[in-house]
Amino acid sequence: MKFFIDTADTNEIRDLAATGYVDGVTTNPSLIAKSGKRFIEVVREICDLVEGPVSAEVTATDHKTMLAEGRKLAQIARNIAVKVPLTPDGLKTCKALAGDGRMVNVTLCFSAGQAILAAKAGAAFISPFIGRLDDVSHDGMALIADIVQIYGNYDAIKTEVLVASVRHPMHVVEAAKLGADVVTMPPDVLRKLYSHPLTDKGLAAFLADWQKTGQSIL
């Protein structure tokens, strides 16, 4: 399973990319607005930091303007995945951009039916928002299971399931168990995957025992 980082903080991306775990980055206008920098500038900088796909989202809602924005974003770098919303105009734009040979990430997916449409439109990625579904008492992971099953029924479907709106490490683990292709997560969730109190306790015991020996490996 691939790990994407959901942030526009270039310092965070640079730090986590050094671990070798980061396969790509997802952004949106809200995340980029927090940086205080110009949209294109931030996206270009992120593309220089990672080799994998960098999702950059259009801000228009009509097909004609979405397509123009998407084509402009795609020119920033070879690893841009143009992000469009799961609307009729968004899917029409997806179809056109995919026809141009561009990667497209269809976002704001909340149903299996929507995911089928995105695959038909040629999306490289479909982004179901599991945390937001959980927030309204729906089972976000059940949606992931449905999409993975449906896509797996058809060899012609190349769309990757990109689990989004991830809130905690168990979302990552459950997504992996279900066979999702990608999980995009905030930096703090990736760091939490390292953590376990028994690891800390065990390491402390090992170090205490080693200090008692008075030895040094070097």
Protein backbone atom coordinates (compact mmCIF):
# COMPACT_ATOMS: atom_id res chain seq x y z
CA MET A 1 0.00 0.00 0.00
CA LYS A 2 1.26 3.45 -0.90
CA PHE A 3 1.46 6.27 1.64
CA PHE A 4 0.54 9.80 0.57
CA ILE A 5 0.83 12.77 2.92
CA ASP A 6 -2.17 15.09 3.14
CA THR A 7 -0.60 18.50 3.67
CA ALA A 8 0.77 21.56 1.91
CA ASP A 9 3.40 22.19 4.60
CA THR A 10 6.65 21.84 2.66
CA ASN A 11 8.72 21.51 5.84
CA GLU A 12 6.64 18.52 6.92
CA ILE A 13 6.84 16.99 3.45
CA ARG A 14 10.61 17.44 3.31
CA ASP A 15 11.05 15.84 6.73
CA LEU A 16 8.80 12.85 6.03
CA ALA A 17 10.08 12.33 2.48
CA ALA A 18 13.51 11.69 4.02
CA THR A 19 12.10 8.56 5.73
CA GLY A 20 11.50 6.91 2.36
CA TYR A 21 7.88 6.16 3.29
CA VAL A 22 6.23 8.92 1.28
CA ASP A 23 4.94 7.86 -2.13
CA GLY A 24 3.02 11.04 -2.92
CA VAL A 25 1.20 14.10 -1.59
CA THR A 26 -2.40 15.28 -1.62
CA THR A 27 -3.32 18.93 -1.25
CA ASN A 28 -6.44 21.03 -1.51
CA PRO A 29 -7.13 24.79 -1.61
CA SER A 30 -7.78 24.87 2.16
CA LEU A 31 -4.43 23.26 2.98
CA ILE A 32 -2.53 25.54 0.60
CA ALA A 33 -4.29 28.64 1.97
CA LYS A 34 -2.80 27.84 5.39
CA SER A 35 0.70 28.19 3.94
CA GLY A 36 0.17 31.86 3.15
CA LYS A 37 1.96 31.38 -0.17
CA ARG A 38 0.75 31.54 -3.76
CA PHE A 39 -1.02 28.39 -4.93
CA ILE A 40 1.18 27.60 -7.96
CA GLU A 41 4.35 28.33 -6.00
CA VAL A 42 3.44 25.84 -3.27
CA VAL A 43 2.43 23.11 -5.71
CA ARG A 44 5.65 23.50 -7.70
CA GLU A 45 7.75 23.30 -4.52
CA ILE A 46 5.95 20.13 -3.39
CA CYS A 47 6.50 18.52 -6.80
CA ASP A 48 10.23 19.13 -6.39
CA LEU A 49 10.22 17.37 -3.00
CA VAL A 50 8.57 14.08 -3.98
CA GLU A 51 8.78 11.89 -7.06
CA GLY A 52 5.30 10.38 -6.73
CA PRO A 53 1.91 11.91 -7.56
CA VAL A 54 1.07 15.34 -6.16
CA SER A 55 -2.66 16.10 -6.17
CA ALA A 56 -3.45 19.72 -6.99
CA GLU A 57 -7.13 20.65 -6.96
CA VAL A 58 -9.05 22.83 -9.36
CA THR A 59 -11.15 25.59 -7.81
CA ALA A 60 -13.76 26.07 -10.55
CA THR A 61 -17.09 24.27 -10.58
CA ASP A 62 -17.99 24.39 -14.29
CA HIS A 63 -16.45 22.01 -16.82
CA LYS A 64 -14.91 24.59 -19.14
CA THR A 65 -13.03 26.42 -16.41
CA MET A 66 -12.13 23.20 -14.56
CA LEU A 67 -10.57 21.87 -17.73
CA ALA A 68 -8.56 25.04 -18.30
CA GLU A 69 -7.37 25.03 -14.67
CA GLY A 70 -6.58 21.33 -14.82
CA ARG A 71 -4.48 21.69 -17.94
CA LYS A 72 -2.59 24.59 -16.39
CA LEU A 73 -1.93 22.62 -13.19
CA ALA A 74 -0.78 19.59 -15.20
CA GLN A 75 1.91 21.75 -16.81
CA ILE A 76 3.57 22.47 -13.44
CA ALA A 77 5.32 19.09 -13.27
CA ARG A 78 5.12 15.59 -14.71
CA ASN A 79 3.93 14.16 -11.35
CA ILE A 80 0.84 16.35 -10.99
CA ALA A 81 -2.46 14.55 -10.46
CA VAL A 82 -5.23 17.02 -11.18
CA LYS A 83 -7.84 16.81 -8.46
CA VAL A 84 -11.49 17.33 -9.42
CA PRO A 85 -14.71 16.98 -7.40
CA LEU A 86 -17.13 14.13 -7.95
CA THR A 87 -19.76 16.17 -9.76
CA PRO A 88 -21.09 15.84 -13.32
CA ASP A 89 -18.78 18.65 -14.44
CA GLY A 90 -15.91 17.19 -12.47
CA LEU A 91 -16.30 13.77 -14.10
CA LYS A 92 -16.60 15.35 -17.54
CA THR A 93 -13.34 17.15 -16.81
CA CYS A 94 -11.78 13.92 -15.57
CA LYS A 95 -12.67 12.20 -18.83
CA ALA A 96 -11.11 14.98 -20.88
CA LEU A 97 -7.91 15.18 -18.82
CA ALA A 98 -7.53 11.40 -18.79
CA GLY A 99 -7.88 11.56 -22.58
CA ASP A 100 -4.95 13.98 -22.56
CA GLY A 101 -2.92 11.36 -20.70
CA ARG A 102 -3.08 13.24 -17.38
CA MET A 103 -3.46 11.67 -13.94
CA VAL A 104 -6.73 12.66 -12.28
CA ASN A 105 -7.74 12.25 -8.64
CA VAL A 106 -11.51 12.37 -8.23
CA THR A 107 -12.24 13.62 -4.72
CA LEU A 108 -15.19 13.89 -2.34
CA CYS A 109 -16.45 10.37 -3.00
CA PHE A 110 -19.06 9.10 -0.54
CA SER A 111 -20.70 6.16 -2.33
CA ALA A 112 -19.79 3.10 -4.37
CA GLY A 113 -21.95 4.34 -7.21
CA GLN A 114 -19.88 7.51 -7.40
CA ALA A 115 -16.71 5.41 -7.44
CA ILE A 116 -18.00 3.42 -10.41
CA LEU A 117 -18.61 6.65 -12.33
CA ALA A 118 -15.09 7.88 -11.55
CA ALA A 119 -13.59 4.66 -12.89
CA LYS A 120 -15.70 4.98 -16.05
CA ALA A 121 -14.36 8.52 -16.46
CA GLY A 122 -10.78 7.24 -16.39
CA ALA A 123 -9.70 8.50 -12.97
CA ALA A 124 -6.23 7.46 -11.85
CA PHE A 125 -7.40 7.73 -8.23
CA ILE A 126 -10.73 7.76 -6.41
CA SER A 127 -10.72 9.42 -2.98
CA PRO A 128 -13.44 8.14 -0.63
CA PHE A 129 -13.63 10.29 2.52
CA ILE A 130 -13.94 7.77 5.34
CA GLY A 131 -13.57 10.12 8.31
CA ARG A 132 -16.38 12.36 7.12
CA LEU A 133 -18.63 9.34 6.68
CA ASP A 134 -17.82 8.19 10.21
CA ASP A 135 -18.72 11.70 11.42
CA VAL A 136 -22.30 11.25 10.19
CA SER A 137 -22.67 7.72 11.59
CA HIS A 138 -21.89 5.88 8.36
CA ASP A 139 -19.23 3.17 8.14
CA GLY A 140 -16.42 4.68 6.10
CA MET A 141 -14.48 1.42 5.93
CA ALA A 142 -17.53 -0.42 4.56
CA LEU A 143 -17.37 1.94 1.59
CA ILE A 144 -13.70 1.10 1.03
CA ALA A 145 -14.54 -2.61 1.12
CA ASP A 146 -17.31 -2.11 -1.46
CA ILE A 147 -15.13 -0.10 -3.86
CA VAL A 148 -12.18 -2.50 -3.60
CA GLN A 149 -14.51 -5.43 -4.30
CA ILE A 150 -16.20 -3.74 -7.26
CA TYR A 151 -12.97 -2.59 -8.88
CA GLY A 152 -11.49 -6.04 -8.36
CA ASN A 153 -14.27 -7.56 -10.47
CA TYR A 154 -13.05 -5.82 -13.62
CA ASP A 155 -9.56 -6.09 -15.10
CA ALA A 156 -10.25 -3.03 -17.22
CA ILE A 157 -10.54 -0.78 -14.16
CA LYS A 158 -7.13 0.75 -13.38
CA THR A 159 -8.40 3.38 -10.91
CA GLU A 160 -6.60 3.16 -7.56
CA VAL A 161 -8.54 3.40 -4.29
CA LEU A 162 -7.05 6.31 -2.36
CA VAL A 163 -8.40 6.33 1.20
CA ALA A 164 -8.84 9.94 2.36
CA SER A 165 -10.07 11.82 5.43
CA VAL A 166 -7.96 9.54 7.61
CA ARG A 167 -8.17 10.41 11.29
CA HIS A 168 -6.01 7.85 13.13
CA PRO A 169 -3.62 4.91 12.63
CA MET A 170 -6.37 2.27 12.72
CA HIS A 171 -7.87 3.82 9.60
CA VAL A 172 -4.54 3.06 7.91
CA VAL A 173 -4.44 -0.51 9.23
CA GLU A 174 -8.04 -1.25 8.25
CA ALA A 175 -7.50 0.20 4.79
CA ALA A 176 -4.48 -2.07 4.32
CA LYS A 177 -6.49 -5.12 5.46
CA LEU A 178 -9.14 -4.31 2.85
CA GLY A 179 -6.59 -4.02 0.06
CA ALA A 180 -6.78 -0.28 -0.63
CA ASP A 181 -4.07 0.93 -3.02
CA VAL A 182 -3.24 4.19 -1.26
CA VAL A 183 -3.85 5.94 2.03
CA THR A 184 -3.36 9.68 2.34
CA MET A 185 -2.91 10.89 5.89
CA PRO A 186 -1.93 13.98 7.88
CA PRO A 187 1.71 13.97 9.01
CA ASP A 188 0.79 13.33 12.64
CA VAL A 189 -1.05 10.10 11.73
CA LEU A 190 2.00 8.75 9.92
CA ARG A 191 4.15 9.53 12.95
CA LYS A 192 1.66 7.81 15.26
CA LEU A 193 2.18 4.57 13.32
CA TYR A 194 5.60 4.36 14.97
CA SER A 195 4.24 4.64 18.48
CA HIS A 196 3.48 1.88 20.95
CA PRO A 197 3.96 2.07 24.74
CA LEU A 198 5.44 -1.44 24.88
CA THR A 199 8.10 -0.45 22.36
CA ASP A 200 9.07 2.51 24.55
CA LYS A 201 9.02 0.36 27.68
CA GLY A 202 11.07 -2.40 26.11
CA LEU A 203 13.68 0.00 24.76
CA ALA A 204 14.03 1.69 28.15
CA ALA A 205 14.64 -1.72 29.80
CA PHE A 206 17.24 -2.73 27.21
CA LEU A 207 19.12 0.55 27.62
CA ALA A 208 19.06 0.31 31.43
CA ASP A 209 20.50 -3.21 31.30
CA TRP A 210 23.17 -2.14 28.82
CA GLN A 211 24.27 0.81 30.95
CA LYS A 212 24.82 -1.56 33.89
CA THR A 213 27.44 -3.47 31.88
CA GLY A 214 29.62 -0.39 31.48
CA GLN A 215 30.39 -1.42 27.90
CA SER A 216 30.40 0.48 24.63
CA ILE A 217 29.98 -0.91 21.11
CA LEU A 218 32.14 1.86 19.64
